[in-house]
Amino acid sequence: MRLPLTACLMYRATLAVSMLGLGLTACASHRETPTTARPQVYVLNFYGAEEGRAEQRPRDLVLSEFTTINAVTWQSWGPTRAVGRGKLSGMWGLPECGDAPYDATVTLGAVVPVRGKGYFSRYAVTARLPDDQRKRADLTGRLPIPGE
């Protein structure tokens, strides 16, 4: 059975308005939420910089006056922590680790705000070290921040 032309047009118009209404409802219910801008996060690094410099994802990082991690590949960076893998060496490991640094994972955390930027202020290292070196190594500690 065929519908008269006016009935067919009315049906199509009703269907189109209904579909349009669903689309408008879907659009109205989807609201853009503004993203909260987070400050950039840095680490104050003294590797090759006597005064230190703010860096993100540094390849080489001085963790303390006795410990450095080199050839770091960062798996994550910010906003509350950073995790990277590299080669650990330090005064506590001489002479062995000078020629063959240890594989290690470093985690940076405890972000402190300084002049509109965030700075990591703590570090922790996991590495397989000989017992005598593990006792001397500073595998956790405080990182410097600007103004100290």
C-alpha atoms as a PDB file:
ATOM      1  CA  MET A   1       0.000   0.000   0.000  1.00  0.00           C
ATOM      2  CA  ARG A   2       1.382   3.374  -1.013  1.00  0.00           C
ATOM      3  CA  LEU A   3       0.911   6.427   1.166  1.00  0.00           C
ATOM      4  CA  PRO A   4      -0.374   9.612  -0.426  1.00  0.00           C
ATOM      5  CA  LEU A   5       2.401  12.106  -1.241  1.00  0.00           C
ATOM      6  CA  THR A   6       1.435  14.530   1.560  1.00  0.00           C
ATOM      7  CA  ALA A   7       1.427  11.762   4.167  1.00  0.00           C
ATOM      8  CA  CYS A   8       4.818  10.552   2.963  1.00  0.00           C
ATOM      9  CA  LEU A   9       6.273  14.071   3.124  1.00  0.00           C
ATOM     10  CA  MET A  10       4.818  14.605   6.619  1.00  0.00           C
ATOM     11  CA  TYR A  11       6.322  11.291   7.774  1.00  0.00           C
ATOM     12  CA  ARG A  12       9.770  12.239   6.403  1.00  0.00           C
ATOM     13  CA  ALA A  13       9.570  15.725   7.929  1.00  0.00           C
ATOM     14  CA  THR A  14       8.605  14.268  11.322  1.00  0.00           C
ATOM     15  CA  LEU A  15      11.424  11.736  11.097  1.00  0.00           C
ATOM     16  CA  ALA A  16      13.939  14.462  10.150  1.00  0.00           C
ATOM     17  CA  VAL A  17      12.837  16.730  13.006  1.00  0.00           C
ATOM     18  CA  SER A  18      13.032  13.814  15.446  1.00  0.00           C
ATOM     19  CA  MET A  19      16.562  12.927  14.296  1.00  0.00           C
ATOM     20  CA  LEU A  20      17.579  16.577  14.466  1.00  0.00           C
ATOM     21  CA  GLY A  21      16.144  16.817  17.974  1.00  0.00           C
ATOM     22  CA  LEU A  22      18.159  13.786  19.086  1.00  0.00           C
ATOM     23  CA  GLY A  23      21.285  15.319  17.624  1.00  0.00           C
ATOM     24  CA  LEU A  24      20.661  18.628  19.365  1.00  0.00           C
ATOM     25  CA  THR A  25      20.026  16.872  22.650  1.00  0.00           C
ATOM     26  CA  ALA A  26      23.272  14.954  22.285  1.00  0.00           C
ATOM     27  CA  CYS A  27      25.146  18.152  21.450  1.00  0.00           C
ATOM     28  CA  ALA A  28      23.581  20.029  24.350  1.00  0.00           C
ATOM     29  CA  SER A  29      24.464  17.303  26.825  1.00  0.00           C
ATOM     30  CA  HIS A  30      28.114  17.249  25.693  1.00  0.00           C
ATOM     31  CA  ARG A  31      29.821  20.149  27.392  1.00  0.00           C
ATOM     32  CA  GLU A  32      33.416  21.114  26.992  1.00  0.00           C
ATOM     33  CA  THR A  33      35.139  21.243  30.343  1.00  0.00           C
ATOM     34  CA  PRO A  34      38.037  23.643  30.567  1.00  0.00           C
ATOM     35  CA  THR A  35      41.348  21.994  31.295  1.00  0.00           C
ATOM     36  CA  THR A  36      43.173  23.261  34.311  1.00  0.00           C
ATOM     37  CA  ALA A  37      46.631  24.354  33.269  1.00  0.00           C
ATOM     38  CA  ARG A  38      49.238  22.720  35.436  1.00  0.00           C
ATOM     39  CA  PRO A  39      52.602  24.347  35.916  1.00  0.00           C
ATOM     40  CA  GLN A  40      55.526  22.840  34.053  1.00  0.00           C
ATOM     41  CA  VAL A  41      57.633  20.519  36.208  1.00  0.00           C
ATOM     42  CA  TYR A  42      61.437  20.699  36.249  1.00  0.00           C
ATOM     43  CA  VAL A  43      64.430  19.302  38.064  1.00  0.00           C
ATOM     44  CA  LEU A  44      67.315  21.549  39.093  1.00  0.00           C
ATOM     45  CA  ASN A  45      70.291  19.820  37.471  1.00  0.00           C
ATOM     46  CA  PHE A  46      73.969  20.478  38.195  1.00  0.00           C
ATOM     47  CA  TYR A  47      75.323  18.168  35.495  1.00  0.00           C
ATOM     48  CA  GLY A  48      77.669  20.376  33.466  1.00  0.00           C
ATOM     49  CA  ALA A  49      76.242  23.470  35.174  1.00  0.00           C
ATOM     50  CA  GLU A  50      77.926  24.678  38.349  1.00  0.00           C
ATOM     51  CA  GLU A  51      75.018  27.025  39.162  1.00  0.00           C
ATOM     52  CA  GLY A  52      72.420  24.450  38.163  1.00  0.00           C
ATOM     53  CA  ARG A  53      69.712  24.822  35.522  1.00  0.00           C
ATOM     54  CA  ALA A  54      66.033  23.959  35.286  1.00  0.00           C
ATOM     55  CA  GLU A  55      65.593  20.962  32.984  1.00  0.00           C
ATOM     56  CA  GLN A  56      62.922  18.556  31.870  1.00  0.00           C
ATOM     57  CA  ARG A  57      63.835  14.974  31.015  1.00  0.00           C
ATOM     58  CA  PRO A  58      67.611  15.475  31.310  1.00  0.00           C
ATOM     59  CA  ARG A  59      69.810  12.805  29.755  1.00  0.00           C
ATOM     60  CA  ASP A  60      72.308  13.094  32.633  1.00  0.00           C
ATOM     61  CA  LEU A  61      71.271  14.080  36.151  1.00  0.00           C
ATOM     62  CA  VAL A  62      73.216  14.831  39.317  1.00  0.00           C
ATOM     63  CA  LEU A  63      71.167  13.348  42.167  1.00  0.00           C
ATOM     64  CA  SER A  64      73.527  14.322  44.992  1.00  0.00           C
ATOM     65  CA  GLU A  65      77.094  15.401  45.524  1.00  0.00           C
ATOM     66  CA  PHE A  66      78.045  11.710  45.399  1.00  0.00           C
ATOM     67  CA  THR A  67      75.629  10.187  42.849  1.00  0.00           C
ATOM     68  CA  THR A  68      74.869  10.702  39.148  1.00  0.00           C
ATOM     69  CA  ILE A  69      72.632   8.865  36.705  1.00  0.00           C
ATOM     70  CA  ASN A  70      73.573   9.027  33.017  1.00  0.00           C
ATOM     71  CA  ALA A  71      71.993   8.050  29.691  1.00  0.00           C
ATOM     72  CA  VAL A  72      68.536   8.378  31.235  1.00  0.00           C
ATOM     73  CA  THR A  73      65.502   7.363  29.187  1.00  0.00           C
ATOM     74  CA  TRP A  74      62.368   8.806  30.798  1.00  0.00           C
ATOM     75  CA  GLN A  75      59.269   6.593  30.818  1.00  0.00           C
ATOM     76  CA  SER A  76      57.151   9.370  32.357  1.00  0.00           C
ATOM     77  CA  TRP A  77      57.529  13.009  33.330  1.00  0.00           C
ATOM     78  CA  GLY A  78      55.114  14.870  35.617  1.00  0.00           C
ATOM     79  CA  PRO A  79      52.936  16.290  36.822  1.00  0.00           C
ATOM     80  CA  THR A  80      53.555  14.635  40.217  1.00  0.00           C
ATOM     81  CA  ARG A  81      56.416  12.246  39.489  1.00  0.00           C
ATOM     82  CA  ALA A  82      58.920  11.184  36.863  1.00  0.00           C
ATOM     83  CA  VAL A  83      60.414   7.756  36.206  1.00  0.00           C
ATOM     84  CA  GLY A  84      63.507   7.029  34.124  1.00  0.00           C
ATOM     85  CA  ARG A  85      66.124   4.345  33.534  1.00  0.00           C
ATOM     86  CA  GLY A  86      69.823   4.915  33.156  1.00  0.00           C
ATOM     87  CA  LYS A  87      73.351   4.132  34.350  1.00  0.00           C
ATOM     88  CA  LEU A  88      74.094   4.858  38.014  1.00  0.00           C
ATOM     89  CA  SER A  89      77.529   5.777  39.340  1.00  0.00           C
ATOM     90  CA  GLY A  90      78.913   7.545  42.357  1.00  0.00           C
ATOM     91  CA  MET A  91      81.841   8.134  44.640  1.00  0.00           C
ATOM     92  CA  TRP A  92      80.534   5.274  46.794  1.00  0.00           C
ATOM     93  CA  GLY A  93      81.165   2.829  43.911  1.00  0.00           C
ATOM     94  CA  LEU A  94      84.701   3.700  42.872  1.00  0.00           C
ATOM     95  CA  PRO A  95      86.619   2.233  41.261  1.00  0.00           C
ATOM     96  CA  GLU A  96      84.203  -0.494  40.064  1.00  0.00           C
ATOM     97  CA  CYS A  97      81.243   1.568  38.866  1.00  0.00           C
ATOM     98  CA  GLY A  98      83.422   4.208  37.208  1.00  0.00           C
ATOM     99  CA  ASP A  99      84.079   1.840  34.317  1.00  0.00           C
ATOM    100  CA  ALA A 100      80.844  -0.135  34.531  1.00  0.00           C
ATOM    101  CA  PRO A 101      77.953   1.888  35.995  1.00  0.00           C
ATOM    102  CA  TYR A 102      74.921   0.026  37.286  1.00  0.00           C
ATOM    103  CA  ASP A 103      71.553  -0.233  35.541  1.00  0.00           C
ATOM    104  CA  ALA A 104      69.105   1.734  37.648  1.00  0.00           C
ATOM    105  CA  THR A 105      65.638   3.230  37.777  1.00  0.00           C
ATOM    106  CA  VAL A 106      65.193   6.692  39.261  1.00  0.00           C
ATOM    107  CA  THR A 107      61.890   8.107  40.498  1.00  0.00           C
ATOM    108  CA  LEU A 108      61.529  11.835  41.119  1.00  0.00           C
ATOM    109  CA  GLY A 109      58.687  13.198  43.226  1.00  0.00           C
ATOM    110  CA  ALA A 110      57.495  15.703  45.843  1.00  0.00           C
ATOM    111  CA  VAL A 111      56.890  18.667  43.521  1.00  0.00           C
ATOM    112  CA  VAL A 112      57.494  22.064  45.131  1.00  0.00           C
ATOM    113  CA  PRO A 113      56.235  25.305  43.528  1.00  0.00           C
ATOM    114  CA  VAL A 114      58.898  27.953  42.857  1.00  0.00           C
ATOM    115  CA  ARG A 115      58.063  31.169  40.952  1.00  0.00           C
ATOM    116  CA  GLY A 116      55.234  29.624  38.943  1.00  0.00           C
ATOM    117  CA  LYS A 117      57.072  26.396  38.116  1.00  0.00           C
ATOM    118  CA  GLY A 118      57.094  23.027  39.822  1.00  0.00           C
ATOM    119  CA  TYR A 119      60.385  21.386  40.854  1.00  0.00           C
ATOM    120  CA  PHE A 120      60.934  17.797  41.894  1.00  0.00           C
ATOM    121  CA  SER A 121      62.439  17.808  45.379  1.00  0.00           C
ATOM    122  CA  ARG A 122      62.978  14.084  46.173  1.00  0.00           C
ATOM    123  CA  TYR A 123      64.527  11.097  44.411  1.00  0.00           C
ATOM    124  CA  ALA A 124      64.654   7.344  44.921  1.00  0.00           C
ATOM    125  CA  VAL A 125      66.839   4.891  43.015  1.00  0.00           C
ATOM    126  CA  THR A 126      66.449   1.161  42.611  1.00  0.00           C
ATOM    127  CA  ALA A 127      69.500  -0.764  41.411  1.00  0.00           C
ATOM    128  CA  ARG A 128      71.298  -4.038  42.021  1.00  0.00           C
ATOM    129  CA  LEU A 129      74.433  -3.070  43.877  1.00  0.00           C
ATOM    130  CA  PRO A 130      76.982  -5.118  45.795  1.00  0.00           C
ATOM    131  CA  ASP A 131      76.168  -5.043  49.513  1.00  0.00           C
ATOM    132  CA  ASP A 132      79.227  -2.974  50.475  1.00  0.00           C
ATOM    133  CA  GLN A 133      78.301  -0.300  47.918  1.00  0.00           C
ATOM    134  CA  ARG A 134      74.593  -0.360  48.780  1.00  0.00           C
ATOM    135  CA  LYS A 135      75.454   0.578  52.373  1.00  0.00           C
ATOM    136  CA  ARG A 136      77.403   3.639  51.181  1.00  0.00           C
ATOM    137  CA  ALA A 137      75.191   4.687  48.268  1.00  0.00           C
ATOM    138  CA  ASP A 138      72.662   7.469  48.709  1.00  0.00           C
ATOM    139  CA  LEU A 139      69.766   5.813  46.885  1.00  0.00           C
ATOM    140  CA  THR A 140      67.134   8.159  48.319  1.00  0.00           C
ATOM    141  CA  GLY A 141      67.404  11.804  49.052  1.00  0.00           C
ATOM    142  CA  ARG A 142      66.472  15.389  48.607  1.00  0.00           C
ATOM    143  CA  LEU A 143      66.975  17.256  45.321  1.00  0.00           C
ATOM    144  CA  PRO A 144      67.935  20.938  45.373  1.00  0.00           C
ATOM    145  CA  ILE A 145      65.389  23.531  44.293  1.00  0.00           C
ATOM    146  CA  PRO A 146      66.045  27.129  43.150  1.00  0.00           C
ATOM    147  CA  GLY A 147      66.663  29.631  45.901  1.00  0.00           C
ATOM    148  CA  GLU A 148      68.334  27.245  48.339  1.00  0.00           C
END
